[in-house]
Protein backbone atom coordinates (compact mmCIF):
# COMPACT_ATOMS: atom_id res chain seq x y z
CA MET A 1 39.23 74.47 44.07
CA PRO A 2 36.10 73.61 46.08
CA ASP A 3 33.05 75.81 45.58
CA ALA A 4 32.36 78.54 48.13
CA LEU A 5 29.06 78.27 49.97
CA SER A 6 26.49 80.73 51.23
CA GLN A 7 23.85 80.31 53.93
CA GLU A 8 21.21 80.42 51.20
CA THR A 9 22.79 77.42 49.46
CA ILE A 10 22.97 75.50 52.72
CA ASN A 11 19.27 76.23 53.29
CA THR A 12 18.44 74.40 50.07
CA TRP A 13 20.02 71.24 51.46
CA ALA A 14 17.32 71.24 54.13
CA ASP A 15 14.44 72.58 52.03
CA ALA A 16 14.65 71.35 48.43
CA GLU A 17 12.50 68.26 47.91
CA LYS A 18 14.92 66.93 45.28
CA GLY A 19 18.00 68.34 46.95
CA PRO A 20 21.31 66.50 47.41
CA VAL A 21 21.39 63.09 49.04
CA ALA A 22 24.28 63.63 51.41
CA LEU A 23 27.44 65.45 52.37
CA HIS A 24 30.57 63.34 52.69
CA LEU A 25 33.95 64.06 54.22
CA LYS A 26 36.98 61.94 53.45
CA GLN A 27 39.85 62.71 55.84
CA LYS A 28 43.17 60.95 56.17
CA LEU A 29 44.55 60.49 59.68
CA LEU A 30 48.02 59.57 60.92
CA PRO A 31 49.41 58.18 64.16
CA VAL A 32 51.44 60.79 66.03
CA GLU A 33 54.41 58.50 65.37
CA GLY A 34 53.89 59.04 61.63
CA GLU A 35 53.31 56.68 58.71
CA GLY A 36 53.61 53.04 59.75
CA GLY A 37 53.14 53.80 63.44
CA VAL A 38 51.51 51.07 65.52
CA ILE A 39 47.93 51.85 66.57
CA PHE A 40 45.58 49.95 68.84
CA PRO A 41 42.02 49.32 67.60
CA PRO A 42 39.22 48.71 70.09
CA THR A 43 38.78 45.15 71.34
CA TYR A 44 35.45 43.34 71.34
CA ALA A 45 34.19 40.34 73.27
CA ASP A 46 35.00 36.98 71.66
CA ILE A 47 36.71 38.44 68.53
CA GLY A 48 39.41 40.83 69.79
CA TYR A 49 40.01 43.38 67.05
CA ASN A 50 37.30 43.82 64.42
CA ILE A 51 39.34 43.01 61.31
CA ASP A 52 37.72 41.90 58.05
CA THR A 53 39.53 40.13 55.21
CA LEU A 54 38.50 41.28 51.73
CA SER A 55 38.34 39.10 48.63
CA ASP A 56 41.80 40.28 47.52
CA GLY A 57 43.27 39.16 50.84
CA SER A 58 43.76 42.66 52.26
CA LYS A 59 42.52 43.38 55.77
CA VAL A 60 40.47 46.31 57.08
CA ALA A 61 40.33 47.20 60.77
CA THR A 62 37.70 49.23 62.55
CA ILE A 63 39.56 51.90 64.51
CA ASP A 64 36.50 53.73 65.85
CA SER A 65 32.92 52.61 65.29
CA VAL A 66 29.93 54.75 64.33
CA GLY A 67 28.53 54.61 67.86
CA SER A 68 31.86 55.42 69.45
CA GLN A 69 32.44 58.36 67.11
CA ALA A 70 29.00 59.76 67.94
CA ASN A 71 29.75 59.52 71.66
CA ARG A 72 32.99 61.44 71.12
CA MET A 73 31.37 64.14 68.96
CA GLU A 74 28.23 64.88 70.98
CA PRO A 75 29.94 66.37 74.08
CA ILE A 76 31.25 69.32 72.01
CA PHE A 77 27.84 70.86 72.62
CA LYS A 78 28.73 71.31 76.30
CA ARG A 79 31.46 73.77 75.34
CA GLU A 80 31.55 77.27 73.94
CA PRO A 81 30.84 78.43 71.29
CA TYR A 82 28.45 75.52 70.67
CA SER A 83 26.72 75.33 74.08
CA SER A 84 24.38 78.21 73.25
CA LEU A 85 23.03 76.30 70.24
CA VAL A 86 21.31 73.59 72.30
CA PRO A 87 19.53 73.23 75.66
CA GLN A 88 21.91 72.18 78.42
CA ILE A 89 20.33 69.38 80.44
CA ASP A 90 21.98 67.87 83.52
CA ILE A 91 20.72 64.91 85.54
CA LYS A 92 21.66 65.09 89.23
CA TYR A 93 22.24 61.90 91.21
CA GLY A 94 23.97 60.59 94.31
CA ASP A 95 23.71 61.91 97.87
CA GLU A 96 21.58 65.05 97.73
CA GLY A 97 22.28 65.36 94.00
CA ALA A 98 25.97 65.97 94.60
CA ARG A 99 26.91 64.53 91.22
CA ASN A 100 25.50 65.15 87.76
CA VAL A 101 25.79 63.90 84.21
CA SER A 102 25.08 65.85 81.01
CA ILE A 103 22.57 64.45 78.54
CA PHE A 104 25.40 64.67 76.00
CA GLU A 105 27.17 61.88 77.92
CA VAL A 106 24.13 59.57 78.10
CA GLY A 107 24.66 56.63 75.74
CA HIS A 108 21.10 56.17 74.47
CA ARG A 109 20.37 59.89 74.53
CA LEU A 110 16.71 60.72 75.10
CA GLY A 111 15.84 57.00 75.01
CA ASP A 112 18.18 56.12 77.89
CA ALA A 113 17.07 54.49 81.15
CA LEU A 114 18.57 57.45 83.02
CA ILE A 115 16.15 59.82 81.26
CA ARG A 116 13.17 57.58 82.05
CA SER A 117 14.35 57.52 85.67
CA SER A 118 14.23 61.30 86.04
CA GLU A 119 11.77 64.20 85.95
CA LEU A 120 12.52 64.42 82.23
CA GLY A 121 11.03 61.00 81.49
CA ASN A 122 7.43 62.13 80.99
CA LYS A 123 8.46 65.01 78.69
CA ALA A 124 10.59 62.65 76.64
CA LYS A 125 7.72 60.16 76.32
CA LYS A 126 5.32 62.86 75.13
CA ALA A 127 7.88 64.11 72.60
CA PHE A 128 8.39 60.59 71.22
CA GLU A 129 4.62 60.03 71.07
CA ALA A 130 4.13 63.30 69.17
CA PHE A 131 6.66 62.07 66.62
CA LEU A 132 4.93 58.68 66.31
CA ASP A 133 1.44 60.19 66.06
CA SER A 134 2.07 62.93 63.51
CA GLY A 135 5.74 62.89 62.54
CA ASP A 136 6.21 66.11 64.51
CA ALA A 137 9.84 66.21 65.71
CA SER A 138 9.70 69.77 67.07
CA ALA A 139 9.23 68.70 70.72
CA LEU A 140 12.26 66.42 70.42
CA ALA A 141 14.26 69.29 68.90
CA LYS A 142 13.28 71.61 71.75
CA LEU A 143 14.12 69.04 74.41
CA ALA A 144 17.19 67.20 73.09
CA PRO A 145 18.11 68.16 69.51
CA THR A 146 21.31 66.10 69.45
CA SER A 147 19.09 63.01 69.69
CA LEU A 148 18.00 63.94 66.16
CA VAL A 149 21.54 64.68 65.01
CA PHE A 150 23.08 61.41 66.24
CA GLY A 151 19.97 59.24 66.20
CA VAL A 152 17.83 57.79 68.96
CA TRP A 153 15.75 54.68 69.53
CA ASP A 154 13.30 54.62 72.41
CA SER A 155 13.47 50.83 72.33
CA ARG A 156 12.30 50.25 75.91
CA ASP A 157 9.19 52.43 75.85
CA THR A 158 7.47 54.04 72.83
CA HIS A 159 9.74 52.32 70.27
CA ALA A 160 10.11 55.58 68.34
CA LYS A 161 13.23 55.44 66.19
CA LEU A 162 15.01 58.26 64.39
CA PRO A 163 18.07 57.57 62.19
CA ARG A 164 21.39 59.33 62.53
CA ILE A 165 21.78 62.48 60.48
CA VAL A 166 25.55 62.48 61.16
CA GLN A 167 27.54 59.27 60.88
CA SER A 168 31.29 58.98 61.33
CA VAL A 169 33.63 55.99 61.30
CA ILE A 170 37.40 55.46 61.21
CA ARG A 171 38.94 52.49 59.40
CA ALA A 172 42.50 51.42 58.70
CA TRP A 173 43.15 49.73 55.36
CA ASP A 174 45.59 46.95 54.50
CA VAL A 175 46.53 46.26 58.10
CA GLU A 176 48.89 43.74 59.62
CA GLU A 177 48.18 42.53 63.12
CA LEU A 178 50.91 42.55 65.77
CA HIS A 179 51.30 40.79 69.11
CA ARG A 180 53.06 41.58 72.34
CA SER A 181 54.23 39.78 75.47
CA ALA A 182 55.13 40.96 78.96
CA GLN A 183 56.74 39.73 82.16
CA TYR A 184 55.94 40.94 85.67
CA ASN A 185 58.73 40.66 88.24
CA PRO A 186 57.90 41.49 91.87
CA PRO A 187 60.26 44.06 93.42
CA ILE A 188 61.16 41.77 96.35
CA ASP A 189 61.09 38.06 97.18
CA TYR A 190 58.03 37.73 99.41
CA ALA A 191 58.67 34.03 100.05
CA ALA A 192 62.10 34.85 101.50
CA LEU A 193 60.33 37.24 103.88
CA GLU A 194 58.01 34.39 104.85
CA VAL A 195 54.83 36.04 103.57
CA PHE A 196 54.18 32.60 102.05
CA SER A 197 56.20 29.46 101.51
CA GLU A 198 58.64 28.66 98.73
CA GLU A 199 56.31 25.83 97.80
CA ASP A 200 53.40 28.25 97.37
CA LYS A 201 55.63 30.57 95.35
CA THR A 202 56.71 27.77 93.00
CA LYS A 203 53.13 26.53 92.62
CA ASP A 204 51.56 29.94 91.87
CA GLU A 205 54.19 31.51 89.61
CA GLY A 206 52.95 31.76 86.05
CA ASP A 207 49.38 30.74 86.92
CA PRO A 208 47.07 33.68 86.09
CA LYS A 209 44.29 32.19 88.23
CA SER A 210 46.39 31.80 91.36
CA PRO A 211 45.76 34.20 94.27
CA LEU A 212 49.44 35.21 94.54
CA ALA A 213 49.64 36.04 90.82
CA LYS A 214 46.38 37.97 90.90
CA ARG A 215 47.64 40.09 93.78
CA GLY A 216 51.09 40.70 92.26
CA PHE A 217 53.26 38.76 94.70
CA VAL A 218 54.98 36.36 92.28
CA HIS A 219 56.59 36.37 88.84
CA PHE A 220 54.00 36.26 86.11
CA PRO A 221 54.65 36.05 82.35
CA SER A 222 52.00 37.34 79.96
CA GLY A 223 52.12 35.39 76.72
CA LYS A 224 51.04 36.26 73.21
CA ALA A 225 48.49 39.08 73.37
CA LEU A 226 47.06 41.66 70.99
CA GLY A 227 49.75 44.19 70.11
CA GLY A 228 48.03 46.65 67.79
CA VAL A 229 48.14 46.94 64.01
CA VAL A 230 50.26 48.59 61.35
CA ALA A 231 48.32 50.17 58.47
CA ARG A 232 50.03 49.83 55.10
CA GLY A 233 47.11 51.67 53.53
CA PRO A 234 45.38 54.86 54.72
CA ILE A 235 43.74 55.43 58.07
CA GLN A 236 40.57 57.14 56.92
CA ARG A 237 37.77 58.99 58.67
CA ASP A 238 34.50 59.06 56.75
CA VAL A 239 31.77 61.47 57.87
CA THR A 240 28.36 61.42 56.21
CA VAL A 241 25.52 63.90 56.71
CA ASN A 242 22.30 62.20 55.59
CA LEU A 243 20.26 64.96 53.95
CA VAL A 244 17.45 62.60 52.94
CA ALA A 245 16.82 61.67 56.58
CA LEU A 246 17.06 65.35 57.51
CA ARG A 247 14.39 66.42 55.02
CA ARG A 248 12.01 63.78 56.41
CA LEU A 249 11.83 65.66 59.71
CA HIS A 250 8.59 67.58 60.13
CA GLY A 251 7.74 70.40 62.47
CA GLY A 252 3.99 70.01 62.90
CA SER A 253 2.63 73.38 63.96
CA GLN A 254 6.21 74.65 64.01
CA ASN A 255 7.81 75.91 60.83
CA GLY A 256 9.22 72.74 59.24
CA HIS A 257 11.86 74.73 57.38
CA ALA A 258 13.09 76.25 60.64
CA LEU A 259 13.26 72.82 62.32
CA ARG A 260 15.19 71.17 59.49
CA ARG A 261 17.60 74.08 59.14
CA TYR A 262 18.24 74.04 62.89
CA ILE A 263 19.07 70.32 62.91
CA LEU A 264 21.20 70.79 59.78
CA GLY A 265 23.14 73.57 61.50
CA LEU A 266 23.86 71.33 64.49
CA SER A 267 24.78 68.45 62.17
CA LEU A 268 27.28 70.60 60.28
CA VAL A 269 28.83 71.79 63.55
CA ALA A 270 29.25 68.18 64.70
CA ALA A 271 30.57 67.03 61.32
CA THR A 272 33.13 69.81 60.87
CA SER A 273 34.47 70.07 64.43
CA PRO A 274 38.06 68.78 64.82
CA PRO A 275 38.05 65.04 65.58
CA GLU A 276 39.01 63.80 69.03
CA PRO A 277 42.65 62.64 68.64
CA PHE A 278 42.97 60.38 71.72
CA LEU A 279 40.79 57.36 71.02
CA ARG A 280 42.35 54.98 73.54
CA GLN A 281 45.75 53.98 74.94
CA GLY A 282 48.07 53.46 71.98
CA CYS A 283 45.75 55.18 69.50
CA LEU A 284 46.49 58.90 69.16
CA LEU A 285 45.52 60.09 65.66
CA VAL A 286 45.80 63.50 64.01
CA PRO A 287 44.83 64.79 60.54
CA ASP A 288 47.42 64.29 57.81
CA VAL A 289 48.41 67.85 56.88
CA GLU A 290 49.83 66.63 53.57
CA THR A 291 46.41 65.39 52.41
CA ARG A 292 43.63 67.94 52.18
CA PRO A 293 40.29 66.74 53.61
CA GLN A 294 37.52 66.76 51.01
CA TRP A 295 33.87 67.64 51.53
CA ASN A 296 31.58 66.62 48.68
CA VAL A 297 27.88 67.19 48.07
CA ILE A 298 26.37 64.08 46.45
CA ALA A 299 23.36 64.71 44.20
CA CYS A 300 20.50 62.32 43.47
CA ASP A 301 22.11 61.35 40.16
CA GLY A 302 25.34 60.40 41.93
CA SER A 303 27.34 63.42 40.78
CA ARG A 304 29.74 64.94 43.28
CA GLN A 305 30.59 68.56 43.87
CA GLU A 306 33.46 69.48 46.16
CA VAL A 307 32.58 72.29 48.58
CA GLU A 308 34.37 74.20 51.31
CA LEU A 309 32.78 74.02 54.74
CA THR A 310 34.69 76.46 56.93
CA GLU A 311 34.30 76.73 60.69
CA ASP A 312 33.24 80.38 60.44
CA LEU A 313 30.57 79.62 57.85
CA VAL A 314 29.18 76.63 59.77
CA CYS A 315 29.14 78.39 63.17
CA GLY A 316 27.52 81.47 61.66
CA TYR A 317 24.87 79.41 59.94
CA ALA A 318 24.14 77.30 63.03
CA SER A 319 23.80 80.42 65.19
CA THR A 320 21.40 82.08 62.73
CA VAL A 321 19.09 79.08 62.34
CA ALA A 322 19.14 78.35 66.09
CA LYS A 323 17.81 81.84 66.81
CA THR A 324 15.11 81.44 64.18
CA PHE A 325 13.93 78.07 65.52
CA GLY A 326 14.32 78.99 69.18
CA VAL A 327 16.62 76.93 71.40
CA GLY A 328 14.87 74.97 74.15
CA LYS A 329 15.41 75.95 77.76
CA ASN A 330 18.18 74.60 79.99
CA GLU A 331 17.10 72.16 82.67
CA SER A 332 18.57 70.48 85.73
CA VAL A 333 16.59 67.40 86.77
CA SER A 334 17.07 64.72 89.40
CA PHE A 335 17.44 60.97 89.14
CA ASP A 336 14.50 59.30 90.89
CA LYS A 337 15.21 55.89 92.36
CA LYS A 338 11.49 55.13 92.57
CA LEU A 339 11.08 55.70 88.83
CA ALA A 340 14.10 53.51 88.15
CA LYS A 341 12.75 50.67 90.30
CA ALA A 342 9.35 50.93 88.62
CA ASP A 343 11.02 50.82 85.20
CA VAL A 344 12.99 47.72 86.19
C-alpha cells in the first residue's frame, strides 16, 4: 500500500535542500471503445503523426504533447474550487471590450504578445526583470503563478525563462498505423440542372483543386489518408513534478518557503486533477479502472517510494499555503492596439 502523506511531509518537498528529485505519476488510459480501440493522434506539418520506431522495431506514438497537456490542464484554475487559489486575470478585446480571454488560455502565458499588448505588459516586464536581477520570483507568483507551474519564456522581451514544474505527456506504445478513404457524392446532379455543363462536371470530378470539387458540387473521392492508430501496448500518461526546479525558486524579500510551498500546492492540484478525456475527434480517453495509477516520490539516490496523493489532501494543502503566501489580486485589463502595433 502507498504511504499516507501529511502536509508537513509535503512541505519538506519544497523546503529540504536535499529533498526528493521529483514526483511521478504513471497512469494507464483506454479508449472509450476499450482495449484495441482506434485512436487519432495529433497531426503535424510535414510528418503527419509523430511516430518513432525503436531499435526493436516497435513504434511509439505521441498522443498528447507536453505543451498540449499543459494547455489542457491550466484552465482548471478558472473553475471552483481552484479559482480562489490564483488571481483571475481577463484581457478584454474587440468592440468596446465586448470579448475577453483568460490568462489561463493564453499560449505563452505571461510572456505572450497579448500580455505585452495590454495594461498588464509593464507589470509583467518588471516581474520578469526582478527575477533576472535577483532570482526573486515572488512578483511573478503574485501576478501569474501558473506561469511558474507550467513554465514561461519571455523570449520576445526580457528573455527570462522559467522551466516547467509540472510536465505531462501521453504516449501509445507498440502502435500500428491505419488509413482511411472516403467518397463524397453530391445529393443532386447539378449538371443536369444546368448549373454547369456536363463537360465541366466530367473535367472537375475527382480533382481536389477544381472549383466545383472545392465547393462540393461534384463527386470527389478522398484516397488513402491517416486513419488513426491501434495500440498493442499501453496508452500511458506520465506526469512529473520537478521538485529540483521548484526549490530553485526564491522569494526575495518574501518568505521563500511560503513562495515555494504555494507553487508546489498549485503544481499538485494541476498534477492530480482528472485528465481531460476529449483530446480531439476520434481520441476520447479515460483512466483504466483495472490498473491503479501510481504516484512515486523519487529520491536523489534513485530510490522510489509510492505515495497516495488524494484530492482532499492536495486541495487542503493548496488552500492552506495559498492563504499563507497571499493570492494576488484579480484584474481585468484591456488589449491596446497601439501597444500591439508598437510591439510589431
